[in-house]
Amino acid sequence: MKITYQTPDEVEAVFYEAFGFCDAEVMAALWADGDVVCVHPGSGAVVGHTEVSRSWAHIFANAQRPQIRFKVAKRSHSTELAVHIVTEEIYSGDELAAVVLATNVYQKFASGWLMVEHHASLVQSGRKRETLQ
């Protein structure tokens, strides 16, 4: 059964929670079926629900649970589509390991909102925890 949400913000909160807990099952349930697209930092486009879910499962299988803080820098919404520009800070202990700029796209379906695109690009690394409040 596909999990659906009433707002794009709900999907986004669960997306980052699943990311932080390395939960591939929850991550897969957040994505719409069909030609969804995910671009992980430094990689090409992964297209299709099965392939996107597999890519996250592969990342999570080889990862320690990251500490992730995210902040939405810009939101653009219509009745059926939402685009969020997000800054992701990924920590290892108190050390800021990476800053990623992501574009998250959500679409409204009859049953609710789901993720259809995530494009993430590495910005910088190596600063102490301090930037997001």
N, C-alpha and C. Protein backbone atom coordinates (compact mmCIF):
# COMPACT_ATOMS: atom_id res chain seq x y z
N MET A 1 0.84 -1.19 0.00
CA MET A 1 0.00 0.00 0.00
C MET A 1 0.88 1.25 0.00
N LYS A 2 0.60 2.17 -0.90
CA LYS A 2 1.36 3.41 -1.04
C LYS A 2 0.96 4.39 0.05
N ILE A 3 1.95 4.96 0.70
CA ILE A 3 1.70 6.01 1.69
C ILE A 3 1.50 7.31 0.94
N THR A 4 0.48 8.08 1.32
CA THR A 4 0.25 9.38 0.72
C THR A 4 0.06 10.42 1.81
N TYR A 5 0.20 11.67 1.44
CA TYR A 5 0.19 12.76 2.41
C TYR A 5 -0.68 13.90 1.90
N GLN A 6 -1.14 14.72 2.82
CA GLN A 6 -2.05 15.82 2.51
C GLN A 6 -1.34 17.07 1.99
N THR A 7 -0.02 17.22 2.28
CA THR A 7 0.72 18.39 1.83
C THR A 7 2.13 17.98 1.39
N PRO A 8 2.75 18.79 0.54
CA PRO A 8 4.14 18.52 0.17
C PRO A 8 5.07 18.57 1.39
N ASP A 9 4.77 19.46 2.33
CA ASP A 9 5.60 19.57 3.54
C ASP A 9 5.61 18.26 4.35
N GLU A 10 4.48 17.57 4.40
CA GLU A 10 4.42 16.29 5.10
C GLU A 10 5.31 15.26 4.41
N VAL A 11 5.25 15.21 3.08
CA VAL A 11 6.11 14.28 2.34
C VAL A 11 7.57 14.60 2.61
N GLU A 12 7.90 15.88 2.58
CA GLU A 12 9.29 16.29 2.77
C GLU A 12 9.81 15.93 4.16
N ALA A 13 9.00 16.15 5.17
CA ALA A 13 9.42 15.81 6.54
C ALA A 13 9.70 14.31 6.66
N VAL A 14 8.85 13.48 6.08
CA VAL A 14 9.05 12.03 6.14
C VAL A 14 10.23 11.62 5.27
N PHE A 15 10.45 12.29 4.13
CA PHE A 15 11.60 12.03 3.28
C PHE A 15 12.90 12.18 4.08
N TYR A 16 13.03 13.29 4.79
CA TYR A 16 14.27 13.52 5.55
C TYR A 16 14.36 12.62 6.79
N GLU A 17 13.22 12.24 7.35
CA GLU A 17 13.23 11.28 8.44
C GLU A 17 13.70 9.91 7.93
N ALA A 18 13.16 9.48 6.80
CA ALA A 18 13.58 8.20 6.22
C ALA A 18 15.06 8.24 5.85
N PHE A 19 15.52 9.36 5.32
CA PHE A 19 16.93 9.54 4.99
C PHE A 19 17.79 9.40 6.25
N GLY A 20 17.40 10.09 7.32
CA GLY A 20 18.16 10.06 8.57
C GLY A 20 18.18 8.70 9.24
N PHE A 21 17.14 7.90 9.05
CA PHE A 21 17.07 6.56 9.65
C PHE A 21 17.50 5.47 8.67
N CYS A 22 17.91 5.87 7.45
CA CYS A 22 18.30 4.90 6.42
C CYS A 22 17.19 3.86 6.21
N ASP A 23 15.96 4.32 6.11
CA ASP A 23 14.80 3.45 5.98
C ASP A 23 14.37 3.36 4.51
N ALA A 24 14.85 2.35 3.81
CA ALA A 24 14.58 2.20 2.38
C ALA A 24 13.11 1.93 2.10
N GLU A 25 12.43 1.23 2.99
CA GLU A 25 11.02 0.92 2.77
C GLU A 25 10.15 2.17 2.81
N VAL A 26 10.36 3.01 3.81
CA VAL A 26 9.61 4.26 3.90
C VAL A 26 9.98 5.17 2.73
N MET A 27 11.28 5.24 2.42
CA MET A 27 11.72 6.07 1.29
C MET A 27 11.01 5.66 0.01
N ALA A 28 10.93 4.37 -0.28
CA ALA A 28 10.29 3.89 -1.50
C ALA A 28 8.81 4.26 -1.54
N ALA A 29 8.16 4.26 -0.39
CA ALA A 29 6.72 4.55 -0.33
C ALA A 29 6.40 6.03 -0.55
N LEU A 30 7.38 6.90 -0.45
CA LEU A 30 7.16 8.34 -0.63
C LEU A 30 7.11 8.75 -2.09
N TRP A 31 7.61 7.88 -2.96
CA TRP A 31 7.75 8.20 -4.37
C TRP A 31 6.53 7.73 -5.16
N ALA A 32 6.12 8.56 -6.12
CA ALA A 32 5.04 8.18 -7.02
C ALA A 32 5.51 7.05 -7.93
N ASP A 33 4.57 6.33 -8.50
CA ASP A 33 4.91 5.33 -9.51
C ASP A 33 5.22 6.04 -10.82
N GLY A 34 5.84 5.34 -11.72
CA GLY A 34 6.08 5.92 -13.05
C GLY A 34 7.48 6.49 -13.20
N ASP A 35 7.59 7.52 -14.05
CA ASP A 35 8.88 8.08 -14.43
C ASP A 35 9.39 9.13 -13.45
N VAL A 36 9.49 8.78 -12.19
CA VAL A 36 10.09 9.67 -11.21
C VAL A 36 11.59 9.76 -11.50
N VAL A 37 12.24 10.81 -10.99
CA VAL A 37 13.67 11.02 -11.26
C VAL A 37 14.38 11.41 -9.96
N CYS A 38 15.56 10.80 -9.76
CA CYS A 38 16.39 11.14 -8.61
C CYS A 38 17.83 11.29 -9.09
N VAL A 39 18.45 12.40 -8.71
CA VAL A 39 19.86 12.63 -9.01
C VAL A 39 20.58 12.80 -7.67
N HIS A 40 21.37 11.80 -7.31
CA HIS A 40 22.18 11.87 -6.10
C HIS A 40 23.43 12.68 -6.40
N PRO A 41 24.03 13.34 -5.41
CA PRO A 41 25.23 14.14 -5.66
C PRO A 41 26.31 13.32 -6.39
N GLY A 42 26.81 13.89 -7.48
CA GLY A 42 27.88 13.26 -8.23
C GLY A 42 27.47 12.13 -9.14
N SER A 43 26.16 11.90 -9.30
CA SER A 43 25.73 10.79 -10.16
C SER A 43 24.79 11.28 -11.24
N GLY A 44 24.46 10.40 -12.15
CA GLY A 44 23.51 10.72 -13.20
C GLY A 44 22.08 10.53 -12.72
N ALA A 45 21.15 10.74 -13.63
CA ALA A 45 19.73 10.63 -13.31
C ALA A 45 19.32 9.16 -13.18
N VAL A 46 18.62 8.86 -12.10
CA VAL A 46 18.02 7.54 -11.88
C VAL A 46 16.53 7.73 -12.17
N VAL A 47 15.99 6.95 -13.11
CA VAL A 47 14.62 7.15 -13.58
C VAL A 47 13.78 5.91 -13.29
N GLY A 48 12.58 6.14 -12.79
CA GLY A 48 11.63 5.07 -12.53
C GLY A 48 11.59 4.69 -11.06
N HIS A 49 10.39 4.36 -10.59
CA HIS A 49 10.20 4.05 -9.17
C HIS A 49 11.10 2.91 -8.69
N THR A 50 11.16 1.84 -9.44
CA THR A 50 11.97 0.69 -9.02
C THR A 50 13.44 1.06 -8.92
N GLU A 51 13.95 1.78 -9.92
CA GLU A 51 15.35 2.15 -9.94
C GLU A 51 15.68 3.16 -8.84
N VAL A 52 14.79 4.13 -8.63
CA VAL A 52 15.01 5.13 -7.57
C VAL A 52 15.01 4.43 -6.21
N SER A 53 14.04 3.56 -5.98
CA SER A 53 13.98 2.83 -4.70
C SER A 53 15.23 1.99 -4.49
N ARG A 54 15.68 1.34 -5.55
CA ARG A 54 16.90 0.52 -5.48
C ARG A 54 18.13 1.39 -5.16
N SER A 55 18.18 2.59 -5.73
CA SER A 55 19.34 3.47 -5.47
C SER A 55 19.41 3.88 -4.00
N TRP A 56 18.26 4.21 -3.42
CA TRP A 56 18.23 4.58 -2.00
C TRP A 56 18.58 3.37 -1.12
N ALA A 57 18.05 2.21 -1.45
CA ALA A 57 18.36 1.00 -0.68
C ALA A 57 19.86 0.72 -0.71
N HIS A 58 20.49 0.92 -1.86
CA HIS A 58 21.93 0.70 -1.98
C HIS A 58 22.70 1.70 -1.12
N ILE A 59 22.30 2.96 -1.15
CA ILE A 59 22.95 3.99 -0.33
C ILE A 59 22.81 3.65 1.15
N PHE A 60 21.61 3.29 1.57
CA PHE A 60 21.35 3.02 2.98
C PHE A 60 22.05 1.75 3.46
N ALA A 61 22.19 0.77 2.61
CA ALA A 61 22.82 -0.49 3.01
C ALA A 61 24.28 -0.32 3.40
N ASN A 62 24.92 0.69 2.88
CA ASN A 62 26.35 0.91 3.11
C ASN A 62 26.64 2.15 3.94
N ALA A 63 25.64 2.67 4.63
CA ALA A 63 25.81 3.95 5.33
C ALA A 63 25.55 3.82 6.82
N GLN A 64 26.25 4.67 7.56
CA GLN A 64 25.88 4.89 8.96
C GLN A 64 24.77 5.92 8.94
N ARG A 65 23.89 5.87 9.93
CA ARG A 65 22.78 6.82 9.97
C ARG A 65 23.33 8.25 10.03
N PRO A 66 23.01 9.06 9.02
CA PRO A 66 23.50 10.44 9.02
C PRO A 66 22.63 11.33 9.90
N GLN A 67 23.23 12.39 10.37
CA GLN A 67 22.46 13.44 11.03
C GLN A 67 22.20 14.48 9.95
N ILE A 68 20.94 14.73 9.66
CA ILE A 68 20.58 15.65 8.58
C ILE A 68 19.70 16.76 9.12
N ARG A 69 20.09 17.98 8.81
CA ARG A 69 19.23 19.14 9.08
C ARG A 69 18.90 19.74 7.73
N PHE A 70 17.64 20.07 7.52
CA PHE A 70 17.26 20.67 6.24
C PHE A 70 16.46 21.94 6.47
N LYS A 71 16.59 22.82 5.51
CA LYS A 71 15.87 24.09 5.56
C LYS A 71 15.39 24.41 4.16
N VAL A 72 14.10 24.70 4.03
CA VAL A 72 13.54 25.06 2.74
C VAL A 72 13.88 26.53 2.48
N ALA A 73 14.61 26.77 1.40
CA ALA A 73 15.01 28.13 1.03
C ALA A 73 13.94 28.82 0.18
N LYS A 74 13.22 28.04 -0.63
CA LYS A 74 12.18 28.60 -1.51
C LYS A 74 11.14 27.54 -1.81
N ARG A 75 9.89 27.97 -1.81
CA ARG A 75 8.77 27.10 -2.17
C ARG A 75 8.00 27.72 -3.32
N SER A 76 7.64 26.89 -4.30
CA SER A 76 6.74 27.29 -5.37
C SER A 76 5.65 26.23 -5.44
N HIS A 77 4.39 26.66 -5.26
CA HIS A 77 3.28 25.70 -5.21
C HIS A 77 2.19 26.08 -6.19
N SER A 78 1.59 25.08 -6.79
CA SER A 78 0.33 25.24 -7.52
C SER A 78 -0.63 24.22 -6.90
N THR A 79 -1.79 24.04 -7.49
CA THR A 79 -2.74 23.11 -6.90
C THR A 79 -2.29 21.66 -7.04
N GLU A 80 -1.44 21.36 -8.04
CA GLU A 80 -1.04 19.97 -8.28
C GLU A 80 0.46 19.72 -8.27
N LEU A 81 1.26 20.77 -8.11
CA LEU A 81 2.71 20.61 -8.16
C LEU A 81 3.37 21.55 -7.17
N ALA A 82 4.40 21.06 -6.50
CA ALA A 82 5.16 21.87 -5.55
C ALA A 82 6.65 21.63 -5.79
N VAL A 83 7.42 22.72 -5.79
CA VAL A 83 8.86 22.64 -5.95
C VAL A 83 9.50 23.34 -4.76
N HIS A 84 10.38 22.61 -4.07
CA HIS A 84 11.10 23.16 -2.92
C HIS A 84 12.59 23.15 -3.20
N ILE A 85 13.24 24.28 -2.98
CA ILE A 85 14.70 24.35 -2.99
C ILE A 85 15.13 24.23 -1.54
N VAL A 86 15.97 23.23 -1.25
CA VAL A 86 16.29 22.87 0.13
C VAL A 86 17.81 22.83 0.34
N THR A 87 18.25 23.36 1.47
CA THR A 87 19.64 23.18 1.88
C THR A 87 19.67 22.03 2.88
N GLU A 88 20.51 21.05 2.60
CA GLU A 88 20.68 19.90 3.49
C GLU A 88 22.07 19.98 4.12
N GLU A 89 22.11 19.92 5.43
CA GLU A 89 23.39 19.84 6.13
C GLU A 89 23.52 18.44 6.70
N ILE A 90 24.60 17.77 6.35
CA ILE A 90 24.83 16.39 6.77
C ILE A 90 26.04 16.38 7.70
N TYR A 91 25.83 15.87 8.92
CA TYR A 91 26.85 15.91 9.96
C TYR A 91 27.39 14.53 10.29
N SER A 92 28.64 14.53 10.68
CA SER A 92 29.29 13.37 11.29
C SER A 92 29.74 13.84 12.66
N GLY A 93 28.99 13.44 13.70
CA GLY A 93 29.23 14.00 15.04
C GLY A 93 28.91 15.49 15.01
N ASP A 94 29.82 16.31 15.53
CA ASP A 94 29.62 17.76 15.50
C ASP A 94 30.21 18.40 14.25
N GLU A 95 30.83 17.61 13.41
CA GLU A 95 31.47 18.13 12.20
C GLU A 95 30.50 18.11 11.02
N LEU A 96 30.41 19.25 10.36
CA LEU A 96 29.60 19.33 9.15
C LEU A 96 30.35 18.62 8.03
N ALA A 97 29.82 17.49 7.58
CA ALA A 97 30.50 16.68 6.57
C ALA A 97 30.17 17.14 5.16
N ALA A 98 28.96 17.64 4.94
CA ALA A 98 28.57 18.07 3.60
C ALA A 98 27.39 19.02 3.66
N VAL A 99 27.37 19.94 2.72
CA VAL A 99 26.21 20.79 2.49
C VAL A 99 25.74 20.47 1.08
N VAL A 100 24.47 20.17 0.97
CA VAL A 100 23.89 19.77 -0.30
C VAL A 100 22.73 20.71 -0.61
N LEU A 101 22.66 21.14 -1.86
CA LEU A 101 21.53 21.91 -2.33
C LEU A 101 20.64 20.97 -3.12
N ALA A 102 19.37 20.90 -2.75
CA ALA A 102 18.47 19.94 -3.40
C ALA A 102 17.22 20.65 -3.92
N THR A 103 16.71 20.11 -5.00
CA THR A 103 15.41 20.50 -5.51
C THR A 103 14.49 19.29 -5.35
N ASN A 104 13.42 19.47 -4.59
CA ASN A 104 12.44 18.41 -4.35
C ASN A 104 11.14 18.81 -5.03
N VAL A 105 10.59 17.90 -5.83
CA VAL A 105 9.36 18.17 -6.56
C VAL A 105 8.30 17.16 -6.11
N TYR A 106 7.12 17.68 -5.80
CA TYR A 106 6.01 16.87 -5.31
C TYR A 106 4.81 17.08 -6.23
N GLN A 107 4.03 16.02 -6.42
CA GLN A 107 2.84 16.11 -7.26
C GLN A 107 1.64 15.61 -6.47
N LYS A 108 0.51 16.26 -6.68
CA LYS A 108 -0.73 15.85 -6.01
C LYS A 108 -1.46 14.85 -6.90
N PHE A 109 -1.81 13.74 -6.30
CA PHE A 109 -2.58 12.68 -6.96
C PHE A 109 -3.92 12.59 -6.25
N ALA A 110 -4.82 11.76 -6.74
CA ALA A 110 -6.15 11.62 -6.12
C ALA A 110 -6.05 11.25 -4.65
N SER A 111 -5.05 10.44 -4.30
CA SER A 111 -4.91 9.98 -2.92
C SER A 111 -4.03 10.89 -2.05
N GLY A 112 -3.37 11.89 -2.63
CA GLY A 112 -2.53 12.80 -1.86
C GLY A 112 -1.24 13.13 -2.59
N TRP A 113 -0.31 13.76 -1.88
CA TRP A 113 0.96 14.22 -2.44
C TRP A 113 2.03 13.14 -2.34
N LEU A 114 2.87 13.05 -3.39
CA LEU A 114 4.02 12.14 -3.41
C LEU A 114 5.20 12.83 -4.10
N MET A 115 6.38 12.35 -3.83
CA MET A 115 7.58 12.88 -4.44
C MET A 115 7.70 12.37 -5.87
N VAL A 116 8.11 13.26 -6.80
CA VAL A 116 8.33 12.84 -8.18
C VAL A 116 9.75 13.15 -8.66
N GLU A 117 10.45 14.07 -7.98
CA GLU A 117 11.83 14.38 -8.34
C GLU A 117 12.62 14.83 -7.12
N HIS A 118 13.89 14.43 -7.09
CA HIS A 118 14.86 14.91 -6.09
C HIS A 118 16.18 15.05 -6.82
N HIS A 119 16.72 16.25 -6.84
CA HIS A 119 18.00 16.50 -7.50
C HIS A 119 18.90 17.17 -6.48
N ALA A 120 19.99 16.50 -6.11
CA ALA A 120 20.87 16.99 -5.06
C ALA A 120 22.28 17.21 -5.61
N SER A 121 22.88 18.34 -5.22
CA SER A 121 24.24 18.67 -5.63
C SER A 121 25.06 19.09 -4.41
N LEU A 122 26.26 18.57 -4.31
CA LEU A 122 27.16 18.90 -3.21
C LEU A 122 27.61 20.35 -3.34
N VAL A 123 27.56 21.08 -2.23
CA VAL A 123 27.97 22.48 -2.22
C VAL A 123 29.34 22.64 -1.58
N GLN A 124 29.51 22.14 -0.35
CA GLN A 124 30.76 22.31 0.38
C GLN A 124 30.83 21.32 1.52
N SER A 125 31.98 21.25 2.19
CA SER A 125 32.10 20.38 3.35
C SER A 125 33.16 20.92 4.30
N GLY A 126 33.17 20.37 5.53
CA GLY A 126 34.23 20.64 6.48
C GLY A 126 34.03 21.78 7.44
N ARG A 127 32.83 22.33 7.58
CA ARG A 127 32.61 23.40 8.55
C ARG A 127 31.99 22.83 9.82
N LYS A 128 32.17 23.52 10.94
CA LYS A 128 31.53 23.14 12.20
C LYS A 128 30.04 23.42 12.14
N ARG A 129 29.29 22.71 12.99
CA ARG A 129 27.83 22.89 13.08
C ARG A 129 27.55 24.30 13.55
N GLU A 130 26.80 25.07 12.75
CA GLU A 130 26.47 26.42 13.14
C GLU A 130 25.48 27.11 12.21
N THR A 131 25.30 26.64 11.00
CA THR A 131 24.62 27.44 10.00
C THR A 131 23.11 27.48 10.09
N LEU A 132 22.43 26.35 10.23
CA LEU A 132 20.96 26.37 10.29
C LEU A 132 20.51 26.50 11.74
N GLN A 133 19.45 27.22 11.92
CA GLN A 133 18.90 27.37 13.28
C GLN A 133 17.58 26.68 13.39
